[in-house]
Amino acid sequence: MDDSATGPRPRWQFGVHPAAVGSMVRAITQVDLPVGYALRIEMAESATADLIHLQYHIATDNGGWAMWTSAPADALDGLEERLAEYVTPAER
C-alpha cells in the first residue's frame, strides 16, 4: 500500500510513520474512533506544510496497534471514520 497523497484518497498503513523522525508535532489529542480510543499525533515537516502526517496509537479490546497516513490539510475530514474499514468482525 502506498500512502502517497497524489492518489484518489489517503491510505492507512500499520506501524510507525516513517516521516515521524524530523517532523514537528502540531497536535497531540485523544480521540474516540470506531475501533477504540486512540492517541492521535498530527505532524508536519514545517509549520506551513500542507502535507499532514497522522499517527494513531489505538487501544482496542483485542490489543493495541498503530496506524498512520499522510494527506493534504484540506483532505483530513473523514479520515478517522475510514478507520472503520479496518475493524475485524471480532472488534465490532
Protein backbone atom coordinates (compact mmCIF):
# COMPACT_ATOMS: atom_id res chain seq x y z
CA MET A 1 0.00 0.00 0.00
CA ASP A 2 1.23 3.47 -0.85
CA ASP A 3 0.47 6.46 1.37
CA SER A 4 1.00 8.94 -1.46
CA ALA A 5 -1.30 11.95 -1.25
CA THR A 6 -1.36 12.08 -5.06
CA GLY A 7 -3.79 9.16 -5.23
CA PRO A 8 -7.57 9.40 -5.02
CA ARG A 9 -7.52 9.24 -1.20
CA PRO A 10 -5.01 8.72 1.59
CA ARG A 11 -4.39 5.13 2.58
CA TRP A 12 -3.77 3.72 6.02
CA GLN A 13 -0.59 1.87 6.91
CA PHE A 14 0.31 -0.13 10.01
CA GLY A 15 3.28 0.73 12.24
CA VAL A 16 5.11 3.97 12.97
CA HIS A 17 5.05 6.75 10.37
CA PRO A 18 8.41 6.92 8.56
CA ALA A 19 8.21 10.73 8.47
CA ALA A 20 7.96 10.95 12.28
CA VAL A 21 11.70 11.48 12.59
CA GLY A 22 12.42 15.07 11.62
CA SER A 23 8.79 16.21 11.66
CA MET A 24 7.36 18.73 14.08
CA VAL A 25 4.37 17.76 16.22
CA ARG A 26 1.44 20.07 15.54
CA ALA A 27 -1.05 18.46 17.93
CA ILE A 28 -1.49 15.50 20.27
CA THR A 29 -5.06 14.55 21.15
CA GLN A 30 -7.09 11.63 22.40
CA VAL A 31 -9.88 10.58 20.05
CA ASP A 32 -12.68 8.03 20.20
CA LEU A 33 -12.54 6.02 16.97
CA PRO A 34 -14.87 3.29 15.70
CA VAL A 35 -12.16 0.76 16.65
CA GLY A 36 -11.33 2.15 20.12
CA TYR A 37 -9.65 5.04 21.88
CA ALA A 38 -6.51 6.44 20.29
CA LEU A 39 -3.69 8.85 20.83
CA ARG A 40 -3.63 10.98 17.67
CA ILE A 41 -0.36 12.69 16.77
CA GLU A 42 -0.51 15.25 13.96
CA MET A 43 2.86 16.07 12.41
CA ALA A 44 4.23 18.13 9.53
CA GLU A 45 7.66 18.85 8.15
CA SER A 46 7.22 22.57 8.89
CA ALA A 47 4.67 24.95 10.41
CA THR A 48 3.43 25.92 6.94
CA ALA A 49 3.50 22.48 5.28
CA ASP A 50 0.30 21.41 3.53
CA LEU A 51 1.06 17.68 3.83
CA ILE A 52 0.00 16.44 7.26
CA HIS A 53 1.21 13.14 8.76
CA LEU A 54 -1.16 11.43 11.18
CA GLN A 55 -0.08 8.72 13.62
CA TYR A 56 -2.64 6.86 15.71
CA HIS A 57 -1.83 4.58 18.65
CA ILE A 58 -5.08 2.69 19.18
CA ALA A 59 -6.27 0.64 22.15
CA THR A 60 -8.91 -1.98 21.28
CA ASP A 61 -10.43 -4.90 23.16
CA ASN A 62 -8.15 -7.14 21.08
CA GLY A 63 -4.93 -5.26 21.90
CA GLY A 64 -3.08 -2.16 20.82
CA TRP A 65 -1.88 -1.21 17.37
CA ALA A 66 -0.55 1.76 15.43
CA MET A 67 -1.72 3.17 12.09
CA TRP A 68 -0.60 6.15 10.06
CA THR A 69 -1.40 8.08 6.91
CA SER A 70 -0.48 11.34 5.19
CA ALA A 71 -2.83 13.74 3.46
CA PRO A 72 -3.08 17.37 2.39
CA ALA A 73 -4.55 19.51 5.18
CA ASP A 74 -7.77 20.04 3.22
CA ALA A 75 -8.30 16.26 2.88
CA LEU A 76 -8.23 15.36 6.59
CA ASP A 77 -12.00 15.45 7.10
CA GLY A 78 -13.45 11.97 7.29
CA LEU A 79 -10.14 10.13 7.68
CA GLU A 80 -10.95 8.86 11.15
CA GLU A 81 -14.29 7.46 10.01
CA ARG A 82 -12.46 5.44 7.36
CA LEU A 83 -10.68 3.53 10.11
CA ALA A 84 -13.94 1.58 10.48
CA GLU A 85 -12.94 -0.29 7.30
CA TYR A 86 -10.14 -1.92 9.30
CA VAL A 87 -12.29 -3.21 12.16
CA THR A 88 -12.31 -7.00 12.29
CA PRO A 89 -15.61 -8.81 12.98
CA ALA A 90 -14.34 -9.69 16.48
CA GLU A 91 -13.99 -5.97 17.26
CA ARG A 92 -17.44 -4.89 16.01
